[in-house]
PDB file of N, CA and C in Angstrom:
ATOM      1  N   MET A   1    -121.950-129.439 164.954  1.00  0.00           N
ATOM      2  CA  MET A   1    -120.860-129.591 165.041  1.00  0.00           C
ATOM      3  C   MET A   1    -120.137-129.500 165.942  1.00  0.00           C
ATOM      4  N   LYS A   2    -119.064-130.525 165.824  1.00  0.00           N
ATOM      5  CA  LYS A   2    -118.284-130.747 166.709  1.00  0.00           C
ATOM      6  C   LYS A   2    -117.240-129.877 167.076  1.00  0.00           C
ATOM      7  N   LYS A   3    -116.865-129.016 168.520  1.00  0.00           N
ATOM      8  CA  LYS A   3    -115.692-128.407 168.859  1.00  0.00           C
ATOM      9  C   LYS A   3    -114.593-128.321 169.603  1.00  0.00           C
ATOM     10  N   GLY A   4    -113.879-128.551 169.372  1.00  0.00           N
ATOM     11  CA  GLY A   4    -112.852-128.914 171.486  1.00  0.00           C
ATOM     12  C   GLY A   4    -112.804-128.100 172.010  1.00  0.00           C
ATOM     13  N   THR A   5    -112.987-128.958 173.178  1.00  0.00           N
ATOM     14  CA  THR A   5    -113.362-127.975 174.395  1.00  0.00           C
ATOM     15  C   THR A   5    -112.102-127.477 175.084  1.00  0.00           C
ATOM     16  N   SER A   6    -110.267-127.727 174.947  1.00  0.00           N
ATOM     17  CA  SER A   6    -109.749-127.844 175.288  1.00  0.00           C
ATOM     18  C   SER A   6    -109.222-126.597 174.522  1.00  0.00           C
ATOM     19  N   ILE A   7    -108.357-125.518 175.537  1.00  0.00           N
ATOM     20  CA  ILE A   7    -107.599-123.838 174.863  1.00  0.00           C
ATOM     21  C   ILE A   7    -105.954-124.525 174.844  1.00  0.00           C
ATOM     22  N   VAL A   8    -105.735-124.968 175.240  1.00  0.00           N
ATOM     23  CA  VAL A   8    -104.416-126.023 175.581  1.00  0.00           C
ATOM     24  C   VAL A   8    -103.879-125.539 174.394  1.00  0.00           C
ATOM     25  N   PRO A   9    -104.413-126.597 173.534  1.00  0.00           N
ATOM     26  CA  PRO A   9    -103.165-126.862 172.633  1.00  0.00           C
ATOM     27  C   PRO A   9    -103.051-125.249 171.255  1.00  0.00           C
ATOM     28  N   MET A  10    -103.993-124.747 171.102  1.00  0.00           N
ATOM     29  CA  MET A  10    -104.311-123.230 170.736  1.00  0.00           C
ATOM     30  C   MET A  10    -103.509-122.292 171.844  1.00  0.00           C
ATOM     31  N   ILE A  11    -102.974-122.737 172.982  1.00  0.00           N
ATOM     32  CA  ILE A  11    -101.581-122.164 173.733  1.00  0.00           C
ATOM     33  C   ILE A  11    -100.677-121.824 173.336  1.00  0.00           C
ATOM     34  N   MET A  12    -100.308-124.153 173.058  1.00  0.00           N
ATOM     35  CA  MET A  12     -99.277-123.849 172.831  1.00  0.00           C
ATOM     36  C   MET A  12     -99.106-123.728 171.680  1.00  0.00           C
ATOM     37  N   GLY A  13    -100.279-123.797 170.005  1.00  0.00           N
ATOM     38  CA  GLY A  13     -99.003-123.339 169.235  1.00  0.00           C
ATOM     39  C   GLY A  13     -99.018-122.415 168.921  1.00  0.00           C
ATOM     40  N   ILE A  14     -99.773-121.307 169.387  1.00  0.00           N
ATOM     41  CA  ILE A  14     -99.378-119.723 169.637  1.00  0.00           C
ATOM     42  C   ILE A  14     -97.938-120.083 170.315  1.00  0.00           C
ATOM     43  N   ILE A  15     -97.779-119.800 171.005  1.00  0.00           N
ATOM     44  CA  ILE A  15     -96.720-120.244 171.283  1.00  0.00           C
ATOM     45  C   ILE A  15     -95.043-121.106 170.711  1.00  0.00           C
ATOM     46  N   GLY A  16     -95.493-121.643 170.842  1.00  0.00           N
ATOM     47  CA  GLY A  16     -94.427-122.698 170.366  1.00  0.00           C
ATOM     48  C   GLY A  16     -93.951-121.864 168.444  1.00  0.00           C
ATOM     49  N   GLY A  17     -95.522-121.385 167.470  1.00  0.00           N
ATOM     50  CA  GLY A  17     -94.865-120.633 166.575  1.00  0.00           C
ATOM     51  C   GLY A  17     -94.548-118.867 166.439  1.00  0.00           C
ATOM     52  N   VAL A  18     -94.865-118.194 168.066  1.00  0.00           N
ATOM     53  CA  VAL A  18     -93.703-117.412 167.732  1.00  0.00           C
ATOM     54  C   VAL A  18     -92.931-117.801 168.212  1.00  0.00           C
ATOM     55  N   LEU A  19     -92.914-118.615 169.525  1.00  0.00           N
ATOM     56  CA  LEU A  19     -90.916-118.523 169.706  1.00  0.00           C
ATOM     57  C   LEU A  19     -89.868-119.100 168.301  1.00  0.00           C
ATOM     58  N   SER A  20     -90.968-119.283 167.668  1.00  0.00           N
ATOM     59  CA  SER A  20     -90.267-120.140 166.455  1.00  0.00           C
ATOM     60  C   SER A  20     -89.543-119.356 165.830  1.00  0.00           C
ATOM     61  N   LEU A  21     -90.024-118.412 165.487  1.00  0.00           N
ATOM     62  CA  LEU A  21     -89.648-117.273 164.199  1.00  0.00           C
ATOM     63  C   LEU A  21     -88.215-116.451 164.650  1.00  0.00           C
ATOM     64  N   PRO A  22     -87.552-116.568 165.844  1.00  0.00           N
ATOM     65  CA  PRO A  22     -86.388-115.563 166.175  1.00  0.00           C
ATOM     66  C   PRO A  22     -85.658-116.511 166.738  1.00  0.00           C
ATOM     67  N   SER A  23     -85.832-117.962 166.103  1.00  0.00           N
ATOM     68  CA  SER A  23     -85.598-119.182 166.553  1.00  0.00           C
ATOM     69  C   SER A  23     -84.901-119.123 164.468  1.00  0.00           C
ATOM     70  N   ALA A  24     -85.288-119.041 163.939  1.00  0.00           N
ATOM     71  CA  ALA A  24     -85.468-119.232 162.264  1.00  0.00           C
ATOM     72  C   ALA A  24     -84.559-118.563 162.332  1.00  0.00           C
ATOM     73  N   ILE A  25     -84.198-117.171 163.007  1.00  0.00           N
ATOM     74  CA  ILE A  25     -83.357-116.544 162.656  1.00  0.00           C
ATOM     75  C   ILE A  25     -81.730-117.362 162.608  1.00  0.00           C
ATOM     76  N   CYS A  26     -82.675-116.543 164.036  1.00  0.00           N
ATOM     77  CA  CYS A  26     -80.629-117.389 164.607  1.00  0.00           C
ATOM     78  C   CYS A  26     -80.417-118.344 164.472  1.00  0.00           C
ATOM     79  N   SER A  27     -80.887-119.768 163.508  1.00  0.00           N
ATOM     80  CA  SER A  27     -80.666-120.748 162.784  1.00  0.00           C
ATOM     81  C   SER A  27     -79.909-120.534 161.630  1.00  0.00           C
ATOM     82  N   GLY A  28     -80.429-119.676 160.626  1.00  0.00           N
ATOM     83  CA  GLY A  28     -80.467-119.670 160.038  1.00  0.00           C
ATOM     84  C   GLY A  28     -79.078-118.550 159.585  1.00  0.00           C
ATOM     85  N   ALA A  29     -78.386-117.821 160.376  1.00  0.00           N
ATOM     86  CA  ALA A  29     -77.358-116.833 161.033  1.00  0.00           C
ATOM     87  C   ALA A  29     -76.241-118.424 161.157  1.00  0.00           C
ATOM     88  N   CYS A  30     -76.600-118.798 162.576  1.00  0.00           N
ATOM     89  CA  CYS A  30     -75.539-120.103 162.811  1.00  0.00           C
ATOM     90  C   CYS A  30     -75.599-121.116 161.595  1.00  0.00           C
ATOM     91  N   ALA A  31     -76.843-121.480 160.436  1.00  0.00           N
ATOM     92  CA  ALA A  31     -75.831-122.339 158.985  1.00  0.00           C
ATOM     93  C   ALA A  31     -75.430-121.680 158.533  1.00  0.00           C
ATOM     94  N   ALA A  32     -75.603-120.886 157.885  1.00  0.00           N
ATOM     95  CA  ALA A  32     -74.325-119.398 157.405  1.00  0.00           C
ATOM     96  C   ALA A  32     -73.264-119.442 157.727  1.00  0.00           C
ATOM     97  N   GLY A  33     -73.441-119.242 159.344  1.00  0.00           N
ATOM     98  CA  GLY A  33     -71.133-119.171 160.074  1.00  0.00           C
ATOM     99  C   GLY A  33     -71.079-120.177 159.908  1.00  0.00           C
ATOM    100  N   LEU A  34     -71.817-121.679 160.342  1.00  0.00           N
ATOM    101  CA  LEU A  34     -70.832-122.733 160.300  1.00  0.00           C
ATOM    102  C   LEU A  34     -70.547-123.069 158.466  1.00  0.00           C
ATOM    103  N   SER A  35     -71.328-122.432 157.662  1.00  0.00           N
ATOM    104  CA  SER A  35     -71.684-123.421 155.920  1.00  0.00           C
ATOM    105  C   SER A  35     -70.094-122.949 155.407  1.00  0.00           C
ATOM    106  N   SER A  36     -69.769-120.731 156.265  1.00  0.00           N
ATOM    107  CA  SER A  36     -68.698-120.401 155.966  1.00  0.00           C
ATOM    108  C   SER A  36     -67.232-120.343 155.548  1.00  0.00           C
ATOM    109  N   LEU A  37     -66.749-121.707 157.123  1.00  0.00           N
ATOM    110  CA  LEU A  37     -65.768-122.170 157.120  1.00  0.00           C
ATOM    111  C   LEU A  37     -65.845-123.379 156.674  1.00  0.00           C
ATOM    112  N   ALA A  38     -66.994-124.252 156.000  1.00  0.00           N
ATOM    113  CA  ALA A  38     -66.214-124.652 155.367  1.00  0.00           C
ATOM    114  C   ALA A  38     -66.138-125.094 153.791  1.00  0.00           C
ATOM    115  N   THR A  39     -66.775-123.730 153.221  1.00  0.00           N
ATOM    116  CA  THR A  39     -67.245-123.486 151.772  1.00  0.00           C
ATOM    117  C   THR A  39     -66.982-122.416 151.537  1.00  0.00           C
ATOM    118  N   ASP A  40     -67.573-121.748 150.111  1.00  0.00           N
ATOM    119  CA  ASP A  40     -67.885-120.912 149.800  1.00  0.00           C
ATOM    120  C   ASP A  40     -68.398-119.775 150.627  1.00  0.00           C
ATOM    121  N   THR A  41     -68.738-118.796 150.891  1.00  0.00           N
ATOM    122  CA  THR A  41     -69.251-117.879 151.053  1.00  0.00           C
ATOM    123  C   THR A  41     -71.640-117.382 150.464  1.00  0.00           C
ATOM    124  N   ASP A  42     -71.424-118.345 148.936  1.00  0.00           N
ATOM    125  CA  ASP A  42     -72.288-118.429 148.582  1.00  0.00           C
ATOM    126  C   ASP A  42     -73.348-119.527 148.926  1.00  0.00           C
ATOM    127  N   SER A  43     -72.272-120.699 148.560  1.00  0.00           N
ATOM    128  CA  SER A  43     -73.416-121.639 149.466  1.00  0.00           C
ATOM    129  C   SER A  43     -73.335-121.826 151.198  1.00  0.00           C
ATOM    130  N   ALA A  44     -72.954-120.835 151.309  1.00  0.00           N
ATOM    131  CA  ALA A  44     -72.765-120.186 153.651  1.00  0.00           C
ATOM    132  C   ALA A  44     -74.308-119.080 153.460  1.00  0.00           C
ATOM    133  N   VAL A  45     -74.429-118.033 152.456  1.00  0.00           N
ATOM    134  CA  VAL A  45     -75.260-117.132 152.215  1.00  0.00           C
ATOM    135  C   VAL A  45     -76.906-118.566 151.677  1.00  0.00           C
ATOM    136  N   ALA A  46     -76.750-119.480 150.759  1.00  0.00           N
ATOM    137  CA  ALA A  46     -77.957-120.494 150.469  1.00  0.00           C
ATOM    138  C   ALA A  46     -78.260-121.037 152.203  1.00  0.00           C
ATOM    139  N   ALA A  47     -76.931-121.736 152.533  1.00  0.00           N
ATOM    140  CA  ALA A  47     -78.007-122.520 153.753  1.00  0.00           C
ATOM    141  C   ALA A  47     -78.291-121.507 154.480  1.00  0.00           C
ATOM    142  N   GLY A  48     -78.177-121.203 155.004  1.00  0.00           N
ATOM    143  CA  GLY A  48     -78.049-119.778 155.710  1.00  0.00           C
ATOM    144  C   GLY A  48     -80.122-119.518 155.272  1.00  0.00           C
ATOM    145  N   ASN A  49     -80.438-119.412 154.229  1.00  0.00           N
ATOM    146  CA  ASN A  49     -81.534-118.667 153.889  1.00  0.00           C
ATOM    147  C   ASN A  49     -82.497-119.887 153.816  1.00  0.00           C
ATOM    148  N   VAL A  50     -81.721-121.241 153.389  1.00  0.00           N
ATOM    149  CA  VAL A  50     -83.036-122.283 153.473  1.00  0.00           C
ATOM    150  C   VAL A  50     -83.431-122.809 154.732  1.00  0.00           C
ATOM    151  N   PHE A  51     -82.600-122.546 156.406  1.00  0.00           N
ATOM    152  CA  PHE A  51     -83.073-122.771 156.984  1.00  0.00           C
ATOM    153  C   PHE A  51     -83.297-122.176 157.855  1.00  0.00           C
ATOM    154  N   MET A  52     -83.639-120.859 157.489  1.00  0.00           N
ATOM    155  CA  MET A  52     -84.310-119.473 157.788  1.00  0.00           C
ATOM    156  C   MET A  52     -85.865-119.085 157.051  1.00  0.00           C
ATOM    157  N   GLY A  53     -85.331-120.437 155.960  1.00  0.00           N
ATOM    158  CA  GLY A  53     -86.956-120.379 155.123  1.00  0.00           C
ATOM    159  C   GLY A  53     -87.717-120.890 156.329  1.00  0.00           C
ATOM    160  N   LEU A  54     -86.990-121.934 155.793  1.00  0.00           N
ATOM    161  CA  LEU A  54     -87.727-123.438 156.351  1.00  0.00           C
ATOM    162  C   LEU A  54     -88.043-122.940 157.991  1.00  0.00           C
ATOM    163  N   GLY A  55     -87.745-122.559 159.092  1.00  0.00           N
ATOM    164  CA  GLY A  55     -87.665-121.955 159.705  1.00  0.00           C
ATOM    165  C   GLY A  55     -89.728-120.784 160.244  1.00  0.00           C
ATOM    166  N   ILE A  56     -88.861-120.188 159.625  1.00  0.00           N
ATOM    167  CA  ILE A  56     -90.554-118.562 159.278  1.00  0.00           C
ATOM    168  C   ILE A  56     -91.929-119.764 158.463  1.00  0.00           C
ATOM    169  N   VAL A  57     -91.788-121.460 157.493  1.00  0.00           N
ATOM    170  CA  VAL A  57     -92.910-120.822 156.935  1.00  0.00           C
ATOM    171  C   VAL A  57     -93.021-121.756 158.635  1.00  0.00           C
ATOM    172  N   GLY A  58     -92.071-122.833 159.129  1.00  0.00           N
ATOM    173  CA  GLY A  58     -92.186-123.643 160.370  1.00  0.00           C
ATOM    174  C   GLY A  58     -93.835-122.915 161.539  1.00  0.00           C
ATOM    175  N   GLY A  59     -92.785-121.561 161.649  1.00  0.00           N
ATOM    176  CA  GLY A  59     -93.534-120.718 162.818  1.00  0.00           C
ATOM    177  C   GLY A  59     -95.311-120.639 162.776  1.00  0.00           C
ATOM    178  N   LEU A  60     -95.051-120.536 160.796  1.00  0.00           N
ATOM    179  CA  LEU A  60     -96.361-119.277 160.040  1.00  0.00           C
ATOM    180  C   LEU A  60     -97.264-120.348 160.871  1.00  0.00           C
ATOM    181  N   LEU A  61     -96.856-121.855 159.980  1.00  0.00           N
ATOM    182  CA  LEU A  61     -97.563-122.768 159.848  1.00  0.00           C
ATOM    183  C   LEU A  61     -98.142-123.166 161.617  1.00  0.00           C
ATOM    184  N   GLY A  62     -97.069-122.974 162.349  1.00  0.00           N
ATOM    185  CA  GLY A  62     -97.663-123.866 163.656  1.00  0.00           C
ATOM    186  C   GLY A  62     -98.251-122.219 164.904  1.00  0.00           C
ATOM    187  N   LEU A  63     -97.748-120.971 164.215  1.00  0.00           N
ATOM    188  CA  LEU A  63     -99.267-120.134 164.241  1.00  0.00           C
ATOM    189  C   LEU A  63    -100.665-120.361 163.941  1.00  0.00           C
ATOM    190  N   ILE A  64    -100.650-121.010 162.849  1.00  0.00           N
ATOM    191  CA  ILE A  64    -101.908-120.803 162.048  1.00  0.00           C
ATOM    192  C   ILE A  64    -102.529-122.194 162.503  1.00  0.00           C
ATOM    193  N   GLY A  65    -101.905-123.169 162.699  1.00  0.00           N
ATOM    194  CA  GLY A  65    -101.845-124.263 163.419  1.00  0.00           C
ATOM    195  C   GLY A  65    -102.717-123.978 165.600  1.00  0.00           C
ATOM    196  N   GLY A  66    -102.111-123.503 165.981  1.00  0.00           N
ATOM    197  CA  GLY A  66    -103.124-122.695 167.038  1.00  0.00           C
ATOM    198  C   GLY A  66    -104.108-122.076 167.377  1.00  0.00           C
ATOM    199  N   ILE A  67    -104.567-120.628 166.318  1.00  0.00           N
ATOM    200  CA  ILE A  67    -105.337-119.933 166.016  1.00  0.00           C
ATOM    201  C   ILE A  67    -106.467-121.078 165.509  1.00  0.00           C
ATOM    202  N   MET A  68    -105.893-122.410 164.531  1.00  0.00           N
ATOM    203  CA  MET A  68    -106.758-122.987 164.012  1.00  0.00           C
ATOM    204  C   MET A  68    -107.476-124.576 165.384  1.00  0.00           C
ATOM    205  N   GLY A  69    -107.057-123.999 166.449  1.00  0.00           N
ATOM    206  CA  GLY A  69    -107.123-124.871 167.574  1.00  0.00           C
ATOM    207  C   GLY A  69    -108.409-125.528 168.043  1.00  0.00           C
ATOM    208  N   LYS A  70    -108.990-123.937 168.695  1.00  0.00           N
ATOM    209  CA  LYS A  70    -109.861-124.451 169.113  1.00  0.00           C
ATOM    210  C   LYS A  70    -111.460-124.681 167.826  1.00  0.00           C
ATOM    211  N   PRO A  71    -111.281-124.495 167.092  1.00  0.00           N
ATOM    212  CA  PRO A  71    -112.697-123.814 166.176  1.00  0.00           C
ATOM    213  C   PRO A  71    -112.695-126.089 165.663  1.00  0.00           C
ATOM    214  N   LEU A  72    -111.245-126.022 165.288  1.00  0.00           N
ATOM    215  CA  LEU A  72    -110.815-126.644 164.269  1.00  0.00           C
ATOM    216  C   LEU A  72    -109.970-127.996 164.793  1.00  0.00           C
ATOM    217  N   PRO A  73    -110.236-128.953 165.852  1.00  0.00           N
ATOM    218  CA  PRO A  73    -108.653-129.055 166.682  1.00  0.00           C
ATOM    219  C   PRO A  73    -108.236-130.344 165.469  1.00  0.00           C
ATOM    220  N   ILE A  74    -108.568-131.065 164.888  1.00  0.00           N
ATOM    221  CA  ILE A  74    -108.029-132.084 164.002  1.00  0.00           C
ATOM    222  C   ILE A  74    -107.436-131.069 162.479  1.00  0.00           C
ATOM    223  N   PRO A  75    -107.408-130.527 162.196  1.00  0.00           N
ATOM    224  CA  PRO A  75    -107.047-130.088 160.528  1.00  0.00           C
ATOM    225  C   PRO A  75    -105.930-128.880 162.052  1.00  0.00           C
ATOM    226  N   ALA A  76    -106.172-128.591 162.952  1.00  0.00           N
ATOM    227  CA  ALA A  76    -104.394-128.294 163.288  1.00  0.00           C
ATOM    228  C   ALA A  76    -104.047-128.420 164.197  1.00  0.00           C
ATOM    229  N   GLY A  77    -104.443-129.874 164.284  1.00  0.00           N
ATOM    230  CA  GLY A  77    -103.344-131.018 164.298  1.00  0.00           C
ATOM    231  C   GLY A  77    -102.138-131.302 163.614  1.00  0.00           C
ATOM    232  N   LEU A  78    -103.388-131.732 162.716  1.00  0.00           N
ATOM    233  CA  LEU A  78    -102.684-131.719 161.425  1.00  0.00           C
ATOM    234  C   LEU A  78    -100.848-131.374 160.866  1.00  0.00           C
ATOM    235  N   ILE A  79    -102.151-129.319 161.407  1.00  0.00           N
ATOM    236  CA  ILE A  79    -100.892-128.045 160.635  1.00  0.00           C
ATOM    237  C   ILE A  79    -100.087-128.297 161.328  1.00  0.00           C
ATOM    238  N   MET A  80     -99.581-127.639 162.793  1.00  0.00           N
ATOM    239  CA  MET A  80     -98.921-128.969 163.727  1.00  0.00           C
ATOM    240  C   MET A  80     -98.447-129.731 163.386  1.00  0.00           C
ATOM    241  N   LEU A  81     -98.259-130.688 163.128  1.00  0.00           N
ATOM    242  CA  LEU A  81     -97.604-131.786 162.383  1.00  0.00           C
ATOM    243  C   LEU A  81     -96.577-131.706 161.709  1.00  0.00           C
ATOM    244  N   VAL A  82     -96.706-130.176 160.612  1.00  0.00           N
ATOM    245  CA  VAL A  82     -96.192-129.966 159.722  1.00  0.00           C
ATOM    246  C   VAL A  82     -94.623-129.046 160.367  1.00  0.00           C
ATOM    247  N   SER A  83     -96.303-128.358 161.083  1.00  0.00           N
ATOM    248  CA  SER A  83     -94.811-126.920 161.321  1.00  0.00           C
ATOM    249  C   SER A  83     -94.122-127.894 162.571  1.00  0.00           C
ATOM    250  N   VAL A  84     -93.263-129.467 163.152  1.00  0.00           N
ATOM    251  CA  VAL A  84     -92.543-130.517 163.614  1.00  0.00           C
ATOM    252  C   VAL A  84     -92.226-130.672 163.185  1.00  0.00           C
ATOM    253  N   VAL A  85     -92.556-130.459 161.581  1.00  0.00           N
ATOM    254  CA  VAL A  85     -90.807-131.588 161.340  1.00  0.00           C
ATOM    255  C   VAL A  85     -90.750-129.680 160.490  1.00  0.00           C
ATOM    256  N   LEU A  86     -91.219-129.240 160.410  1.00  0.00           N
ATOM    257  CA  LEU A  86     -90.009-128.316 159.590  1.00  0.00           C
ATOM    258  C   LEU A  86     -88.764-127.004 160.023  1.00  0.00           C
ATOM    259  N   VAL A  87     -89.756-127.268 161.523  1.00  0.00           N
ATOM    260  CA  VAL A  87     -89.082-126.239 162.901  1.00  0.00           C
ATOM    261  C   VAL A  87     -87.557-128.079 163.184  1.00  0.00           C
ATOM    262  N   SER A  88     -88.170-128.506 163.419  1.00  0.00           N
ATOM    263  CA  SER A  88     -87.141-129.932 163.665  1.00  0.00           C
ATOM    264  C   SER A  88     -86.137-130.145 162.587  1.00  0.00           C
ATOM    265  N   ILE A  89     -86.503-129.906 161.675  1.00  0.00           N
ATOM    266  CA  ILE A  89     -85.115-129.846 160.802  1.00  0.00           C
ATOM    267  C   ILE A  89     -84.359-128.441 160.458  1.00  0.00           C
ATOM    268  N   MET A  90     -84.843-127.242 161.073  1.00  0.00           N
ATOM    269  CA  MET A  90     -84.688-126.261 160.437  1.00  0.00           C
ATOM    270  C   MET A  90     -83.280-125.939 162.179  1.00  0.00           C
ATOM    271  N   ALA A  91     -83.774-126.583 163.315  1.00  0.00           N
ATOM    272  CA  ALA A  91     -83.878-126.571 164.717  1.00  0.00           C
ATOM    273  C   ALA A  91     -82.324-127.897 165.218  1.00  0.00           C
ATOM    274  N   ILE A  92     -82.641-129.108 164.788  1.00  0.00           N
ATOM    275  CA  ILE A  92     -82.050-130.346 165.134  1.00  0.00           C
ATOM    276  C   ILE A  92     -80.000-130.550 164.581  1.00  0.00           C
ATOM    277  N   PRO A  93     -80.140-130.055 163.242  1.00  0.00           N
ATOM    278  CA  PRO A  93     -78.896-129.818 162.868  1.00  0.00           C
ATOM    279  C   PRO A  93     -78.004-128.149 163.078  1.00  0.00           C
ATOM    280  N   THR A  94     -79.239-127.717 163.288  1.00  0.00           N
ATOM    281  CA  THR A  94     -78.406-125.682 163.876  1.00  0.00           C
ATOM    282  C   THR A  94     -77.489-125.568 165.746  1.00  0.00           C
ATOM    283  N   VAL A  95     -78.160-127.001 166.164  1.00  0.00           N
ATOM    284  CA  VAL A  95     -78.761-127.123 167.460  1.00  0.00           C
ATOM    285  C   VAL A  95     -79.363-126.240 168.561  1.00  0.00           C
ATOM    286  N   ASN A  96     -80.243-125.621 168.070  1.00  0.00           N
ATOM    287  CA  ASN A  96     -81.077-124.318 168.094  1.00  0.00           C
ATOM    288  C   ASN A  96     -81.707-124.769 169.002  1.00  0.00           C
ATOM    289  N   PHE A  97     -81.674-125.281 170.639  1.00  0.00           N
ATOM    290  CA  PHE A  97     -82.252-125.595 171.772  1.00  0.00           C
ATOM    291  C   PHE A  97     -83.921-124.492 171.913  1.00  0.00           C
ATOM    292  N   LEU A  98     -83.753-123.387 171.656  1.00  0.00           N
ATOM    293  CA  LEU A  98     -85.210-122.765 171.239  1.00  0.00           C
ATOM    294  C   LEU A  98     -86.339-123.311 170.652  1.00  0.00           C
ATOM    295  N   GLY A  99     -85.688-123.853 169.166  1.00  0.00           N
ATOM    296  CA  GLY A  99     -85.861-124.245 168.328  1.00  0.00           C
ATOM    297  C   GLY A  99     -86.592-125.768 168.247  1.00  0.00           C
ATOM    298  N   ILE A 100     -85.878-126.462 169.014  1.00  0.00           N
ATOM    299  CA  ILE A 100     -85.741-127.280 169.397  1.00  0.00           C
ATOM    300  C   ILE A 100     -87.148-127.651 170.774  1.00  0.00           C
ATOM    301  N   ILE A 101     -87.037-126.357 171.704  1.00  0.00           N
ATOM    302  CA  ILE A 101     -88.649-126.115 172.600  1.00  0.00           C
ATOM    303  C   ILE A 101     -89.581-126.616 171.923  1.00  0.00           C
ATOM    304  N   CYS A 102     -90.078-124.627 170.874  1.00  0.00           N
ATOM    305  CA  CYS A 102     -90.734-125.109 170.492  1.00  0.00           C
ATOM    306  C   CYS A 102     -91.011-125.987 169.535  1.00  0.00           C
ATOM    307  N   ALA A 103     -90.409-126.816 168.672  1.00  0.00           N
ATOM    308  CA  ALA A 103     -90.816-128.346 168.451  1.00  0.00           C
ATOM    309  C   ALA A 103     -91.292-129.094 169.202  1.00  0.00           C
ATOM    310  N   ILE A 104     -90.893-129.024 170.053  1.00  0.00           N
ATOM    311  CA  ILE A 104     -91.618-129.418 171.521  1.00  0.00           C
ATOM    312  C   ILE A 104     -92.968-129.554 172.140  1.00  0.00           C
ATOM    313  N   LEU A 105     -93.247-128.179 171.733  1.00  0.00           N
ATOM    314  CA  LEU A 105     -94.200-127.199 172.112  1.00  0.00           C
ATOM    315  C   LEU A 105     -95.041-127.073 171.395  1.00  0.00           C
ATOM    316  N   LEU A 106     -95.030-127.456 170.014  1.00  0.00           N
ATOM    317  CA  LEU A 106     -95.698-128.183 168.673  1.00  0.00           C
ATOM    318  C   LEU A 106     -96.632-128.945 168.839  1.00  0.00           C
ATOM    319  N   LEU A 107     -94.894-130.034 169.355  1.00  0.00           N
ATOM    320  CA  LEU A 107     -95.465-131.700 169.002  1.00  0.00           C
ATOM    321  C   LEU A 107     -97.024-131.694 170.808  1.00  0.00           C
ATOM    322  N   ILE A 108     -96.736-131.600 171.438  1.00  0.00           N
ATOM    323  CA  ILE A 108     -97.422-131.784 172.543  1.00  0.00           C
ATOM    324  C   ILE A 108     -98.695-130.985 172.368  1.00  0.00           C
ATOM    325  N   GLY A 109     -99.513-129.468 171.208  1.00  0.00           N
ATOM    326  CA  GLY A 109     -99.766-128.796 171.041  1.00  0.00           C
ATOM    327  C   GLY A 109    -100.464-130.274 169.935  1.00  0.00           C
ATOM    328  N   ALA A 110    -100.198-130.517 169.208  1.00  0.00           N
ATOM    329  CA  ALA A 110    -100.518-131.280 168.085  1.00  0.00           C
ATOM    330  C   ALA A 110    -101.353-132.306 168.810  1.00  0.00           C
ATOM    331  N   ALA A 111    -100.509-133.198 169.252  1.00  0.00           N
ATOM    332  CA  ALA A 111    -101.421-134.578 169.814  1.00  0.00           C
ATOM    333  C   ALA A 111    -102.459-134.258 170.915  1.00  0.00           C
ATOM    334  N   LEU A 112    -102.161-132.781 171.839  1.00  0.00           N
ATOM    335  CA  LEU A 112    -103.398-132.389 172.670  1.00  0.00           C
ATOM    336  C   LEU A 112    -104.815-132.851 172.103  1.00  0.00           C
ATOM    337  N   CYS A 113    -103.971-132.213 170.195  1.00  0.00           N
ATOM    338  CA  CYS A 113    -105.617-131.610 169.357  1.00  0.00           C
ATOM    339  C   CYS A 113    -106.251-132.870 168.830  1.00  0.00           C
ATOM    340  N   PHE A 114    -105.272-134.119 169.080  1.00  0.00           N
ATOM    341  CA  PHE A 114    -106.083-134.943 168.520  1.00  0.00           C
ATOM    342  C   PHE A 114    -106.853-135.967 170.126  1.00  0.00           C
ATOM    343  N   ALA A 115    -106.083-135.704 170.765  1.00  0.00           N
ATOM    344  CA  ALA A 115    -106.811-136.713 172.148  1.00  0.00           C
ATOM    345  C   ALA A 115    -107.485-135.519 173.272  1.00  0.00           C
ATOM    346  N   GLN A 116    -108.345-134.551 172.565  1.00  0.00           N
ATOM    347  CA  GLN A 116    -109.419-134.193 173.705  1.00  0.00           C
ATOM    348  C   GLN A 116    -110.381-134.763 173.556  1.00  0.00           C
ATOM    349  N   LYS A 117    -111.133-134.254 174.263  1.00  0.00           N
ATOM    350  CA  LYS A 117    -112.666-134.318 173.701  1.00  0.00           C
ATOM    351  C   LYS A 117    -113.600-134.073 173.331  1.00  0.00           C
ATOM    352  N   LYS A 118    -114.263-133.846 172.498  1.00  0.00           N
ATOM    353  CA  LYS A 118    -115.187-133.096 171.573  1.00  0.00           C
ATOM    354  C   LYS A 118    -115.942-132.547 172.550  1.00  0.00           C
ATOM    355  N   GLU A 119    -117.317-131.576 172.013  1.00  0.00           N
ATOM    356  CA  GLU A 119    -118.600-131.230 172.909  1.00  0.00           C
ATOM    357  C   GLU A 119    -119.338-131.220 171.435  1.00  0.00           C
ATOM    358  N   ASP A 120    -120.395-131.831 171.642  1.00  0.00           N
ATOM    359  CA  ASP A 120    -121.300-131.523 171.316  1.00  0.00           C
ATOM    360  C   ASP A 120    -122.979-131.003 171.389  1.00  0.00           C
ATOM    361  N   PRO A 121    -122.951-130.300 171.013  1.00  0.00           N
ATOM    362  CA  PRO A 121    -123.684-128.934 171.130  1.00  0.00           C
ATOM    363  C   PRO A 121    -125.270-128.734 171.304  1.00  0.00           C
ATOM    364  N   LEU A 122    -125.986-130.050 170.584  1.00  0.00           N
ATOM    365  CA  LEU A 122    -127.146-130.857 171.193  1.00  0.00           C
ATOM    366  C   LEU A 122    -127.159-131.277 172.301  1.00  0.00           C
ATOM    367  N   SER A 123    -125.725-131.107 173.034  1.00  0.00           N
ATOM    368  CA  SER A 123    -126.228-132.277 174.631  1.00  0.00           C
ATOM    369  C   SER A 123    -126.053-131.171 175.409  1.00  0.00           C
ATOM    370  N   LYS A 124    -125.735-129.465 175.170  1.00  0.00           N
ATOM    371  CA  LYS A 124    -125.471-128.770 176.170  1.00  0.00           C
ATOM    372  C   LYS A 124    -127.018-128.419 176.402  1.00  0.00           C
ATOM    373  N   THR A 125    -126.948-128.283 178.230  1.00  0.00           N
ATOM    374  CA  THR A 125    -128.073-128.308 178.848  1.00  0.00           C
ATOM    375  C   THR A 125    -128.555-126.478 179.584  1.00  0.00           C
ATOM    376  N   THR A 126    -129.637-125.627 179.387  1.00  0.00           N
ATOM    377  CA  THR A 126    -128.519-125.114 179.298  1.00  0.00           C
ATOM    378  C   THR A 126    -129.541-124.658 180.608  1.00  0.00           C
TER     379      THR A 126
END
C-alpha cells in the first residue's frame, strides 16, 4: 500500500474547506441582495440558496478531501478538484475574494496530491 509523504495537501485542503464555509454564507447573501435589485424576492431567495448551497457542499468536499490527503492522495485530489469547481461557481459571479482564495488553495492542494512522491512501505529501512 502506497501513501503520500507530504502533509501540505492535507493542510491546504483543510484550510480551503474551512474558509469556504463562511465564504458560502457571504456569497449567498450577496447573490440574494443582487438578485433582489432586479427581480422579485422569491427568485432572490432562491438565488441566494443556490449559491450558499454550492459553497457549503464545495467547502465540505474540500474539507473531506483535505482530511483524506495524507492516506489516500489520488481520491483526495479528485474530491478537491470537484470542490474547486463548486467553490469557483459560487465565488466568481458574486466576486467573493475569500471564495476565490479558497478555490486557489484547494487547487494547489489537489495539484500537490497528484504530484507528490509516494512512499513504499517495503523499501523502508529501520
